[in-house]
C-alpha atoms as a PDB file:
ATOM      1  CA  UNK A   1       0.052  -0.063   0.048  1.00  0.00           C
ATOM      2  CA  UNK A   2       1.416   3.490  -0.942  1.00  0.00           C
ATOM      3  CA  UNK A   3       2.094   5.642   2.015  1.00  0.00           C
ATOM      4  CA  UNK A   4      -0.460   8.203   0.797  1.00  0.00           C
ATOM      5  CA  UNK A   5      -3.134   5.507   0.862  1.00  0.00           C
ATOM      6  CA  UNK A   6      -2.049   4.420   4.468  1.00  0.00           C
ATOM      7  CA  UNK A   7      -2.441   8.012   5.632  1.00  0.00           C
ATOM      8  CA  UNK A   8      -5.870   8.235   4.155  1.00  0.00           C
ATOM      9  CA  UNK A   9      -7.008   4.839   5.537  1.00  0.00           C
ATOM     10  CA  UNK A  10      -8.647   6.254   8.803  1.00  0.00           C
ATOM     11  CA  UNK A  11     -10.581   9.034   6.833  1.00  0.00           C
ATOM     12  CA  UNK A  12     -11.387   6.936   3.695  1.00  0.00           C
ATOM     13  CA  UNK A  13     -15.285   7.544   4.062  1.00  0.00           C
ATOM     14  CA  UNK A  14     -14.734  11.332   4.951  1.00  0.00           C
ATOM     15  CA  UNK A  15     -12.576  11.842   1.900  1.00  0.00           C
ATOM     16  CA  UNK A  16     -15.216  10.115  -0.369  1.00  0.00           C
ATOM     17  CA  UNK A  17     -18.070  12.327   1.015  1.00  0.00           C
ATOM     18  CA  UNK A  18     -15.781  15.312   0.750  1.00  0.00           C
ATOM     19  CA  UNK A  19     -15.184  14.679  -2.900  1.00  0.00           C
ATOM     20  CA  UNK A  20     -19.005  14.843  -3.623  1.00  0.00           C
ATOM     21  CA  UNK A  21     -19.419  18.012  -1.526  1.00  0.00           C
ATOM     22  CA  UNK A  22     -16.348  19.762  -2.825  1.00  0.00           C
ATOM     23  CA  UNK A  23     -17.816  19.139  -6.495  1.00  0.00           C
ATOM     24  CA  UNK A  24     -20.968  20.646  -5.395  1.00  0.00           C
ATOM     25  CA  UNK A  25     -19.430  23.741  -3.821  1.00  0.00           C
ATOM     26  CA  UNK A  26     -17.890  24.240  -7.255  1.00  0.00           C
ATOM     27  CA  UNK A  27     -20.961  24.296  -9.390  1.00  0.00           C
ATOM     28  CA  UNK A  28     -22.116  27.344 -11.256  1.00  0.00           C
ATOM     29  CA  UNK A  29     -24.973  28.303 -13.626  1.00  0.00           C
ATOM     30  CA  UNK A  30     -22.373  29.241 -16.371  1.00  0.00           C
ATOM     31  CA  UNK A  31     -21.631  26.249 -18.523  1.00  0.00           C
ATOM     32  CA  UNK A  32     -18.093  27.343 -19.264  1.00  0.00           C
ATOM     33  CA  UNK A  33     -17.247  27.646 -15.658  1.00  0.00           C
ATOM     34  CA  UNK A  34     -18.685  24.063 -14.825  1.00  0.00           C
ATOM     35  CA  UNK A  35     -16.646  22.904 -17.925  1.00  0.00           C
ATOM     36  CA  UNK A  36     -13.454  24.219 -16.351  1.00  0.00           C
ATOM     37  CA  UNK A  37     -14.132  23.301 -12.616  1.00  0.00           C
ATOM     38  CA  UNK A  38     -14.887  19.569 -14.075  1.00  0.00           C
ATOM     39  CA  UNK A  39     -11.444  19.601 -15.739  1.00  0.00           C
ATOM     40  CA  UNK A  40      -9.884  20.827 -12.129  1.00  0.00           C
ATOM     41  CA  UNK A  41     -11.657  18.335 -10.238  1.00  0.00           C
ATOM     42  CA  UNK A  42     -10.793  15.444 -12.423  1.00  0.00           C
ATOM     43  CA  UNK A  43      -7.088  16.294 -12.280  1.00  0.00           C
ATOM     44  CA  UNK A  44      -6.747  16.772  -8.573  1.00  0.00           C
ATOM     45  CA  UNK A  45      -3.429  16.200  -6.565  1.00  0.00           C
ATOM     46  CA  UNK A  46      -2.860  14.078  -3.644  1.00  0.00           C
ATOM     47  CA  UNK A  47      -5.371  16.268  -1.657  1.00  0.00           C
ATOM     48  CA  UNK A  48      -3.080  16.572   1.367  1.00  0.00           C
ATOM     49  CA  UNK A  49      -4.913  19.766   2.789  1.00  0.00           C
ATOM     50  CA  UNK A  50      -8.315  18.252   3.171  1.00  0.00           C
ATOM     51  CA  UNK A  51      -6.649  15.205   4.635  1.00  0.00           C
ATOM     52  CA  UNK A  52      -4.886  17.433   7.314  1.00  0.00           C
ATOM     53  CA  UNK A  53      -8.379  18.969   8.163  1.00  0.00           C
ATOM     54  CA  UNK A  54     -10.039  15.588   8.638  1.00  0.00           C
ATOM     55  CA  UNK A  55      -7.252  13.955  10.591  1.00  0.00           C
ATOM     56  CA  UNK A  56      -6.619  16.967  13.078  1.00  0.00           C
ATOM     57  CA  UNK A  57     -10.535  17.018  13.569  1.00  0.00           C
ATOM     58  CA  UNK A  58     -10.728  13.399  14.425  1.00  0.00           C
ATOM     59  CA  UNK A  59      -7.497  13.319  16.575  1.00  0.00           C
ATOM     60  CA  UNK A  60      -8.592  16.272  18.805  1.00  0.00           C
ATOM     61  CA  UNK A  61     -12.276  15.144  19.065  1.00  0.00           C
ATOM     62  CA  UNK A  62     -12.140  11.212  19.552  1.00  0.00           C
ATOM     63  CA  UNK A  63     -12.822  10.363  15.948  1.00  0.00           C
ATOM     64  CA  UNK A  64     -15.678  12.819  15.357  1.00  0.00           C
ATOM     65  CA  UNK A  65     -16.321  15.200  12.379  1.00  0.00           C
ATOM     66  CA  UNK A  66     -19.338  17.286  11.489  1.00  0.00           C
ATOM     67  CA  UNK A  67     -20.643  19.408   8.678  1.00  0.00           C
ATOM     68  CA  UNK A  68     -18.382  22.410   9.755  1.00  0.00           C
ATOM     69  CA  UNK A  69     -15.309  19.981   9.154  1.00  0.00           C
ATOM     70  CA  UNK A  70     -16.422  19.222   5.670  1.00  0.00           C
ATOM     71  CA  UNK A  71     -17.082  22.878   4.744  1.00  0.00           C
ATOM     72  CA  UNK A  72     -13.862  23.794   6.323  1.00  0.00           C
ATOM     73  CA  UNK A  73     -11.953  21.150   4.147  1.00  0.00           C
ATOM     74  CA  UNK A  74     -14.005  22.349   0.934  1.00  0.00           C
ATOM     75  CA  UNK A  75     -13.188  26.121   1.607  1.00  0.00           C
ATOM     76  CA  UNK A  76      -9.522  25.179   2.061  1.00  0.00           C
ATOM     77  CA  UNK A  77      -9.410  23.186  -1.191  1.00  0.00           C
ATOM     78  CA  UNK A  78     -11.351  25.912  -3.044  1.00  0.00           C
ATOM     79  CA  UNK A  79      -8.974  28.577  -1.814  1.00  0.00           C
ATOM     80  CA  UNK A  80      -5.831  26.331  -2.526  1.00  0.00           C
ATOM     81  CA  UNK A  81      -7.119  25.643  -6.170  1.00  0.00           C
ATOM     82  CA  UNK A  82      -7.769  29.275  -6.688  1.00  0.00           C
ATOM     83  CA  UNK A  83      -4.047  30.137  -5.755  1.00  0.00           C
ATOM     84  CA  UNK A  84      -2.743  27.402  -7.921  1.00  0.00           C
ATOM     85  CA  UNK A  85      -4.724  28.776 -10.978  1.00  0.00           C
ATOM     86  CA  UNK A  86      -3.506  32.317 -10.309  1.00  0.00           C
ATOM     87  CA  UNK A  87       0.008  31.071  -9.721  1.00  0.00           C
ATOM     88  CA  UNK A  88       0.179  29.474 -13.309  1.00  0.00           C
ATOM     89  CA  UNK A  89      -0.946  32.855 -14.685  1.00  0.00           C
ATOM     90  CA  UNK A  90       1.654  34.776 -12.622  1.00  0.00           C
ATOM     91  CA  UNK A  91       4.441  32.106 -13.545  1.00  0.00           C
ATOM     92  CA  UNK A  92       3.218  31.904 -17.181  1.00  0.00           C
ATOM     93  CA  UNK A  93       2.996  28.203 -16.608  1.00  0.00           C
ATOM     94  CA  UNK A  94       1.544  25.901 -19.315  1.00  0.00           C
ATOM     95  CA  UNK A  95       1.538  22.610 -17.234  1.00  0.00           C
ATOM     96  CA  UNK A  96       0.097  21.781 -13.777  1.00  0.00           C
ATOM     97  CA  UNK A  97       0.731  18.062 -12.369  1.00  0.00           C
ATOM     98  CA  UNK A  98       1.573  16.848 -15.894  1.00  0.00           C
ATOM     99  CA  UNK A  99      -1.728  18.312 -17.533  1.00  0.00           C
ATOM    100  CA  UNK A 100      -2.234  21.687 -19.273  1.00  0.00           C
ATOM    101  CA  UNK A 101      -2.920  24.538 -16.971  1.00  0.00           C
ATOM    102  CA  UNK A 102      -6.098  26.430 -17.113  1.00  0.00           C
ATOM    103  CA  UNK A 103      -4.581  29.452 -18.613  1.00  0.00           C
ATOM    104  CA  UNK A 104      -2.780  27.341 -21.215  1.00  0.00           C
ATOM    105  CA  UNK A 105      -6.264  25.933 -22.295  1.00  0.00           C
ATOM    106  CA  UNK A 106      -8.477  28.969 -21.760  1.00  0.00           C
ATOM    107  CA  UNK A 107      -6.012  31.891 -21.651  1.00  0.00           C
ATOM    108  CA  UNK A 108      -5.107  34.299 -18.838  1.00  0.00           C
ATOM    109  CA  UNK A 109      -8.187  36.248 -18.646  1.00  0.00           C
ATOM    110  CA  UNK A 110     -10.419  33.321 -18.036  1.00  0.00           C
ATOM    111  CA  UNK A 111      -7.832  31.672 -15.569  1.00  0.00           C
ATOM    112  CA  UNK A 112      -7.836  34.831 -13.591  1.00  0.00           C
ATOM    113  CA  UNK A 113     -11.797  34.924 -13.513  1.00  0.00           C
ATOM    114  CA  UNK A 114     -11.955  31.136 -12.522  1.00  0.00           C
ATOM    115  CA  UNK A 115      -9.439  31.789  -9.717  1.00  0.00           C
ATOM    116  CA  UNK A 116     -11.543  34.925  -8.384  1.00  0.00           C
ATOM    117  CA  UNK A 117     -14.705  32.681  -8.685  1.00  0.00           C
ATOM    118  CA  UNK A 118     -13.257  29.842  -6.630  1.00  0.00           C
ATOM    119  CA  UNK A 119     -11.989  32.311  -4.106  1.00  0.00           C
ATOM    120  CA  UNK A 120     -15.285  33.838  -3.566  1.00  0.00           C
ATOM    121  CA  UNK A 121     -16.987  30.497  -3.661  1.00  0.00           C
ATOM    122  CA  UNK A 122     -14.815  29.453  -0.624  1.00  0.00           C
ATOM    123  CA  UNK A 123     -15.483  32.615   1.369  1.00  0.00           C
ATOM    124  CA  UNK A 124     -19.357  32.489   0.681  1.00  0.00           C
ATOM    125  CA  UNK A 125     -19.341  28.753   1.724  1.00  0.00           C
ATOM    126  CA  UNK A 126     -18.253  29.997   5.111  1.00  0.00           C
ATOM    127  CA  UNK A 127     -20.317  33.080   5.441  1.00  0.00           C
ATOM    128  CA  UNK A 128     -23.514  31.530   4.150  1.00  0.00           C
ATOM    129  CA  UNK A 129     -23.268  28.922   7.133  1.00  0.00           C
ATOM    130  CA  UNK A 130     -22.056  31.512   9.755  1.00  0.00           C
ATOM    131  CA  UNK A 131     -18.818  29.832  10.015  1.00  0.00           C
ATOM    132  CA  UNK A 132     -17.191  33.138  10.941  1.00  0.00           C
ATOM    133  CA  UNK A 133     -14.522  31.496  13.183  1.00  0.00           C
ATOM    134  CA  UNK A 134     -13.355  29.309  10.256  1.00  0.00           C
ATOM    135  CA  UNK A 135     -13.723  32.345   7.827  1.00  0.00           C
ATOM    136  CA  UNK A 136     -10.965  34.340  10.054  1.00  0.00           C
ATOM    137  CA  UNK A 137      -8.558  31.438   9.982  1.00  0.00           C
ATOM    138  CA  UNK A 138      -8.985  31.198   6.049  1.00  0.00           C
ATOM    139  CA  UNK A 139      -8.739  34.915   5.567  1.00  0.00           C
ATOM    140  CA  UNK A 140      -5.327  35.266   7.797  1.00  0.00           C
ATOM    141  CA  UNK A 141      -3.979  32.463   5.452  1.00  0.00           C
ATOM    142  CA  UNK A 142      -5.135  34.183   2.176  1.00  0.00           C
ATOM    143  CA  UNK A 143      -3.563  37.525   3.329  1.00  0.00           C
ATOM    144  CA  UNK A 144      -0.363  35.896   4.318  1.00  0.00           C
ATOM    145  CA  UNK A 145       0.032  34.005   1.036  1.00  0.00           C
ATOM    146  CA  UNK A 146      -0.213  37.278  -0.783  1.00  0.00           C
ATOM    147  CA  UNK A 147       2.355  38.992   1.340  1.00  0.00           C
ATOM    148  CA  UNK A 148       4.747  36.102   1.241  1.00  0.00           C
ATOM    149  CA  UNK A 149       4.831  36.058  -2.593  1.00  0.00           C
ATOM    150  CA  UNK A 150       5.396  39.747  -2.700  1.00  0.00           C
ATOM    151  CA  UNK A 151       8.037  39.611  -0.080  1.00  0.00           C
ATOM    152  CA  UNK A 152       9.909  37.106  -2.299  1.00  0.00           C
ATOM    153  CA  UNK A 153       9.586  39.079  -5.447  1.00  0.00           C
ATOM    154  CA  UNK A 154      10.739  42.047  -3.679  1.00  0.00           C
ATOM    155  CA  UNK A 155      13.832  40.338  -2.170  1.00  0.00           C
ATOM    156  CA  UNK A 156      14.510  38.401  -5.334  1.00  0.00           C
ATOM    157  CA  UNK A 157      15.290  41.517  -7.087  1.00  0.00           C
ATOM    158  CA  UNK A 158      18.187  42.392  -4.728  1.00  0.00           C
ATOM    159  CA  UNK A 159      19.263  38.770  -3.765  1.00  0.00           C
ATOM    160  CA  UNK A 160      19.716  40.060  -0.180  1.00  0.00           C
ATOM    161  CA  UNK A 161      17.743  37.412   1.616  1.00  0.00           C
ATOM    162  CA  UNK A 162      18.785  36.444   5.092  1.00  0.00           C
ATOM    163  CA  UNK A 163      17.868  33.125   6.642  1.00  0.00           C
ATOM    164  CA  UNK A 164      15.230  34.787   8.869  1.00  0.00           C
ATOM    165  CA  UNK A 165      13.636  36.602   5.977  1.00  0.00           C
ATOM    166  CA  UNK A 166      13.619  33.345   4.171  1.00  0.00           C
ATOM    167  CA  UNK A 167      11.787  31.704   6.903  1.00  0.00           C
ATOM    168  CA  UNK A 168       9.357  34.410   7.000  1.00  0.00           C
ATOM    169  CA  UNK A 169       8.811  34.026   3.227  1.00  0.00           C
ATOM    170  CA  UNK A 170       8.180  30.258   3.422  1.00  0.00           C
ATOM    171  CA  UNK A 171       6.040  30.491   6.570  1.00  0.00           C
ATOM    172  CA  UNK A 172       3.528  32.949   4.751  1.00  0.00           C
ATOM    173  CA  UNK A 173       3.937  31.447   1.183  1.00  0.00           C
ATOM    174  CA  UNK A 174       3.601  27.617   2.065  1.00  0.00           C
ATOM    175  CA  UNK A 175       3.130  26.858   5.826  1.00  0.00           C
ATOM    176  CA  UNK A 176       0.368  29.264   6.475  1.00  0.00           C
ATOM    177  CA  UNK A 177      -2.108  27.245   4.363  1.00  0.00           C
ATOM    178  CA  UNK A 178      -1.063  24.015   6.192  1.00  0.00           C
ATOM    179  CA  UNK A 179      -1.441  25.883   9.444  1.00  0.00           C
ATOM    180  CA  UNK A 180      -4.888  26.857   8.449  1.00  0.00           C
ATOM    181  CA  UNK A 181      -6.042  23.308   7.570  1.00  0.00           C
ATOM    182  CA  UNK A 182      -4.941  21.908  10.870  1.00  0.00           C
ATOM    183  CA  UNK A 183      -6.428  24.980  12.731  1.00  0.00           C
ATOM    184  CA  UNK A 184      -9.768  24.404  10.859  1.00  0.00           C
ATOM    185  CA  UNK A 185      -9.915  20.887  11.559  1.00  0.00           C
ATOM    186  CA  UNK A 186      -9.634  21.535  15.275  1.00  0.00           C
ATOM    187  CA  UNK A 187     -11.846  24.684  15.188  1.00  0.00           C
ATOM    188  CA  UNK A 188     -14.580  22.883  13.317  1.00  0.00           C
ATOM    189  CA  UNK A 189     -15.161  20.401  16.240  1.00  0.00           C
ATOM    190  CA  UNK A 190     -13.920  22.031  19.327  1.00  0.00           C
ATOM    191  CA  UNK A 191     -14.413  25.722  18.616  1.00  0.00           C
ATOM    192  CA  UNK A 192     -14.074  26.654  22.250  1.00  0.00           C
ATOM    193  CA  UNK A 193     -10.645  24.983  22.891  1.00  0.00           C
ATOM    194  CA  UNK A 194      -8.314  27.804  21.984  1.00  0.00           C
ATOM    195  CA  UNK A 195      -5.352  25.983  23.202  1.00  0.00           C
ATOM    196  CA  UNK A 196      -5.878  22.997  20.997  1.00  0.00           C
ATOM    197  CA  UNK A 197      -6.702  25.110  17.952  1.00  0.00           C
ATOM    198  CA  UNK A 198      -3.378  27.159  18.293  1.00  0.00           C
ATOM    199  CA  UNK A 199      -1.570  23.913  18.920  1.00  0.00           C
ATOM    200  CA  UNK A 200      -2.687  22.457  15.867  1.00  0.00           C
ATOM    201  CA  UNK A 201      -2.232  25.764  13.930  1.00  0.00           C
ATOM    202  CA  UNK A 202       1.535  25.641  14.967  1.00  0.00           C
ATOM    203  CA  UNK A 203       1.723  21.990  14.110  1.00  0.00           C
ATOM    204  CA  UNK A 204       0.558  22.712  10.504  1.00  0.00           C
ATOM    205  CA  UNK A 205       2.984  25.550  10.188  1.00  0.00           C
ATOM    206  CA  UNK A 206       5.870  23.618  11.311  1.00  0.00           C
ATOM    207  CA  UNK A 207       5.020  20.904   8.780  1.00  0.00           C
ATOM    208  CA  UNK A 208       4.590  23.487   6.112  1.00  0.00           C
ATOM    209  CA  UNK A 209       8.253  24.900   6.677  1.00  0.00           C
ATOM    210  CA  UNK A 210       9.616  21.348   6.536  1.00  0.00           C
ATOM    211  CA  UNK A 211       7.419  20.685   3.373  1.00  0.00           C
ATOM    212  CA  UNK A 212       8.891  23.941   1.531  1.00  0.00           C
ATOM    213  CA  UNK A 213      12.620  23.101   2.506  1.00  0.00           C
ATOM    214  CA  UNK A 214      12.048  19.550   1.050  1.00  0.00           C
ATOM    215  CA  UNK A 215      10.906  21.274  -2.307  1.00  0.00           C
ATOM    216  CA  UNK A 216      14.041  23.498  -2.165  1.00  0.00           C
ATOM    217  CA  UNK A 217      16.229  20.429  -1.880  1.00  0.00           C
ATOM    218  CA  UNK A 218      14.482  18.865  -5.040  1.00  0.00           C
ATOM    219  CA  UNK A 219      16.048  21.607  -6.983  1.00  0.00           C
ATOM    220  CA  UNK A 220      19.459  20.168  -6.337  1.00  0.00           C
ATOM    221  CA  UNK A 221      18.310  16.428  -7.059  1.00  0.00           C
ATOM    222  CA  UNK A 222      19.096  14.256  -9.872  1.00  0.00           C
ATOM    223  CA  UNK A 223      15.989  12.162  -9.620  1.00  0.00           C
ATOM    224  CA  UNK A 224      12.911  12.543 -11.884  1.00  0.00           C
ATOM    225  CA  UNK A 225      10.598  14.869  -9.950  1.00  0.00           C
ATOM    226  CA  UNK A 226       8.551  16.505 -12.591  1.00  0.00           C
ATOM    227  CA  UNK A 227      10.573  19.702 -12.306  1.00  0.00           C
ATOM    228  CA  UNK A 228      14.090  20.191 -13.837  1.00  0.00           C
ATOM    229  CA  UNK A 229      17.055  20.528 -11.773  1.00  0.00           C
ATOM    230  CA  UNK A 230      18.334  24.148 -11.155  1.00  0.00           C
ATOM    231  CA  UNK A 231      14.909  25.720 -11.847  1.00  0.00           C
ATOM    232  CA  UNK A 232      14.951  27.903  -8.914  1.00  0.00           C
ATOM    233  CA  UNK A 233      18.508  29.173  -9.684  1.00  0.00           C
ATOM    234  CA  UNK A 234      17.041  29.965 -13.237  1.00  0.00           C
ATOM    235  CA  UNK A 235      14.160  31.873 -11.651  1.00  0.00           C
ATOM    236  CA  UNK A 236      16.433  33.719  -9.229  1.00  0.00           C
ATOM    237  CA  UNK A 237      14.678  32.106  -6.185  1.00  0.00           C
ATOM    238  CA  UNK A 238      16.717  32.401  -3.149  1.00  0.00           C
ATOM    239  CA  UNK A 239      16.377  28.964  -1.405  1.00  0.00           C
ATOM    240  CA  UNK A 240      17.758  27.862   1.988  1.00  0.00           C
ATOM    241  CA  UNK A 241      20.723  25.635   0.642  1.00  0.00           C
ATOM    242  CA  UNK A 242      21.920  28.784  -1.581  1.00  0.00           C
ATOM    243  CA  UNK A 243      21.314  31.237   1.268  1.00  0.00           C
ATOM    244  CA  UNK A 244      23.374  29.354   3.751  1.00  0.00           C
ATOM    245  CA  UNK A 245      26.265  29.158   1.373  1.00  0.00           C
ATOM    246  CA  UNK A 246      26.089  32.672   0.330  1.00  0.00           C
ATOM    247  CA  UNK A 247      26.272  33.729   3.948  1.00  0.00           C
ATOM    248  CA  UNK A 248      29.275  31.354   4.653  1.00  0.00           C
ATOM    249  CA  UNK A 249      31.571  31.718   1.739  1.00  0.00           C
ATOM    250  CA  UNK A 250      34.259  34.264   0.848  1.00  0.00           C
ATOM    251  CA  UNK A 251      33.638  37.711  -0.715  1.00  0.00           C
ATOM    252  CA  UNK A 252      35.088  36.578  -3.948  1.00  0.00           C
ATOM    253  CA  UNK A 253      32.750  33.393  -3.956  1.00  0.00           C
ATOM    254  CA  UNK A 254      29.751  35.411  -3.037  1.00  0.00           C
ATOM    255  CA  UNK A 255      30.404  37.831  -5.923  1.00  0.00           C
ATOM    256  CA  UNK A 256      30.789  35.020  -8.339  1.00  0.00           C
ATOM    257  CA  UNK A 257      27.549  33.230  -7.065  1.00  0.00           C
ATOM    258  CA  UNK A 258      25.362  36.434  -7.393  1.00  0.00           C
ATOM    259  CA  UNK A 259      26.780  37.298 -10.586  1.00  0.00           C
ATOM    260  CA  UNK A 260      25.947  33.857 -11.878  1.00  0.00           C
ATOM    261  CA  UNK A 261      22.171  34.099 -10.434  1.00  0.00           C
ATOM    262  CA  UNK A 262      21.786  37.560 -11.838  1.00  0.00           C
ATOM    263  CA  UNK A 263      23.459  37.508 -15.020  1.00  0.00           C
ATOM    264  CA  UNK A 264      24.021  33.868 -16.123  1.00  0.00           C
ATOM    265  CA  UNK A 265      21.015  31.904 -14.808  1.00  0.00           C
ATOM    266  CA  UNK A 266      20.067  30.760 -18.490  1.00  0.00           C
ATOM    267  CA  UNK A 267      23.627  29.443 -18.972  1.00  0.00           C
ATOM    268  CA  UNK A 268      23.166  25.693 -18.137  1.00  0.00           C
ATOM    269  CA  UNK A 269      26.808  25.008 -17.428  1.00  0.00           C
ATOM    270  CA  UNK A 270      26.787  27.979 -15.180  1.00  0.00           C
ATOM    271  CA  UNK A 271      23.708  26.852 -13.296  1.00  0.00           C
ATOM    272  CA  UNK A 272      25.348  23.351 -12.943  1.00  0.00           C
ATOM    273  CA  UNK A 273      28.638  24.980 -11.454  1.00  0.00           C
ATOM    274  CA  UNK A 274      26.335  26.844  -9.013  1.00  0.00           C
ATOM    275  CA  UNK A 275      24.654  23.637  -7.859  1.00  0.00           C
ATOM    276  CA  UNK A 276      27.986  21.862  -7.451  1.00  0.00           C
ATOM    277  CA  UNK A 277      29.265  24.702  -5.293  1.00  0.00           C
ATOM    278  CA  UNK A 278      26.289  24.686  -3.061  1.00  0.00           C
ATOM    279  CA  UNK A 279      26.479  20.853  -2.725  1.00  0.00           C
ATOM    280  CA  UNK A 280      30.343  21.060  -2.084  1.00  0.00           C
ATOM    281  CA  UNK A 281      29.702  23.741   0.694  1.00  0.00           C
ATOM    282  CA  UNK A 282      27.438  21.979   2.939  1.00  0.00           C
ATOM    283  CA  UNK A 283      24.365  23.726   1.524  1.00  0.00           C
ATOM    284  CA  UNK A 284      22.196  20.697   1.147  1.00  0.00           C
ATOM    285  CA  UNK A 285      23.213  19.159   4.538  1.00  0.00           C
ATOM    286  CA  UNK A 286      22.564  22.390   6.324  1.00  0.00           C
ATOM    287  CA  UNK A 287      19.093  22.562   4.835  1.00  0.00           C
ATOM    288  CA  UNK A 288      18.214  18.993   5.614  1.00  0.00           C
ATOM    289  CA  UNK A 289      19.206  19.497   9.339  1.00  0.00           C
ATOM    290  CA  UNK A 290      16.869  22.394   9.300  1.00  0.00           C
ATOM    291  CA  UNK A 291      14.198  20.578   7.783  1.00  0.00           C
ATOM    292  CA  UNK A 292      14.417  17.667  10.472  1.00  0.00           C
ATOM    293  CA  UNK A 293      14.277  20.366  13.106  1.00  0.00           C
ATOM    294  CA  UNK A 294      10.941  21.393  11.974  1.00  0.00           C
ATOM    295  CA  UNK A 295       9.810  18.114  11.675  1.00  0.00           C
ATOM    296  CA  UNK A 296      10.716  16.994  15.180  1.00  0.00           C
ATOM    297  CA  UNK A 297       9.140  20.140  16.726  1.00  0.00           C
ATOM    298  CA  UNK A 298       5.957  19.302  14.842  1.00  0.00           C
ATOM    299  CA  UNK A 299       6.059  15.666  16.100  1.00  0.00           C
ATOM    300  CA  UNK A 300       6.632  16.919  19.627  1.00  0.00           C
ATOM    301  CA  UNK A 301       3.187  18.931  19.443  1.00  0.00           C
ATOM    302  CA  UNK A 302       1.402  15.436  19.076  1.00  0.00           C
ATOM    303  CA  UNK A 303       2.868  13.775  22.034  1.00  0.00           C
ATOM    304  CA  UNK A 304       0.080  14.824  24.606  1.00  0.00           C
ATOM    305  CA  UNK A 305      -2.752  13.496  22.330  1.00  0.00           C
ATOM    306  CA  UNK A 306      -4.025  10.031  23.009  1.00  0.00           C
ATOM    307  CA  UNK A 307      -2.956   7.451  20.735  1.00  0.00           C
ATOM    308  CA  UNK A 308      -5.230   6.869  17.792  1.00  0.00           C
ATOM    309  CA  UNK A 309      -5.092   5.763  14.245  1.00  0.00           C
ATOM    310  CA  UNK A 310      -5.650   9.461  13.226  1.00  0.00           C
ATOM    311  CA  UNK A 311      -2.591  10.360  15.173  1.00  0.00           C
ATOM    312  CA  UNK A 312      -0.735   7.607  13.665  1.00  0.00           C
ATOM    313  CA  UNK A 313      -1.729   8.742  10.229  1.00  0.00           C
ATOM    314  CA  UNK A 314      -0.686  12.499  11.098  1.00  0.00           C
ATOM    315  CA  UNK A 315       2.761  11.108  12.221  1.00  0.00           C
ATOM    316  CA  UNK A 316       3.159   9.184   8.897  1.00  0.00           C
ATOM    317  CA  UNK A 317       2.216  12.425   7.054  1.00  0.00           C
ATOM    318  CA  UNK A 318       4.976  14.489   8.947  1.00  0.00           C
ATOM    319  CA  UNK A 319       7.409  11.748   8.113  1.00  0.00           C
ATOM    320  CA  UNK A 320       6.064  11.487   4.350  1.00  0.00           C
ATOM    321  CA  UNK A 321       6.498  15.302   4.017  1.00  0.00           C
ATOM    322  CA  UNK A 322      10.380  15.055   4.323  1.00  0.00           C
ATOM    323  CA  UNK A 323      10.798  11.471   2.957  1.00  0.00           C
ATOM    324  CA  UNK A 324       8.675  11.883  -0.236  1.00  0.00           C
ATOM    325  CA  UNK A 325      10.520  11.547  -3.654  1.00  0.00           C
ATOM    326  CA  UNK A 326       8.396  14.309  -5.453  1.00  0.00           C
END
């Protein structure tokens, strides 16, 4: 059994019902929109975010979920899908998970409008049902994701990212949505238990940090991961292995690295040389250490919850995040 199927095992029924509710949440009176959303639903990814919602909900509330949990999972998936559609437009990307992206098939204008539609659908799903506590968690995540993207763009222009700024970027860009999933899961079933909700939010944030560092490491991997090696360098994205090496090399080496990233990022041989330099100067091992630190902190937050299949699945999920091959 694949590890993702093992993780899903305790919430198989919830995920099946979620699929139907999520599909219903996307429907519209506009035929074009329905055609596009049908295309999106049939090319879904691993659905890690709804899985986080259901697993945290069942872990903190002795195996129970309710309608709010399903709405929370649907809202998160709607918002996540909207951000992916918008990201493909921003990045001018023609592929998503091996299929054509929405902008590739229906052009940018339609893709932006579809992203807006999904975002509004998500927010209205909370408002129409009076889930204002869930809406607050989600709205904070949406704001932070936008801020994180803009902070990264601002810093990429100057290539002056410190490790602390990098952590803030990935916390906002990636970790905040996984934090929202886990907080939503807890809040949907035990809205009065603020300690547990915050505990789960922090748990999700730490996993999100580890998840993004793992993604950064893929840029230096030789294995087939569906993303060409060195793509972050070509796009002038400052990732942890590179930041660590930049902050710990000589002035001459730093100058060569910055010049390579700024002016020679399309030169395959130069990009290869940068990758080799980062590897030889402990960039990867340092990033791996940090990733494991975040993973261990996340696991520590689960210690006080009673043993259950849901807790075991979350532990599997945390380990999967840093051991996955793509």
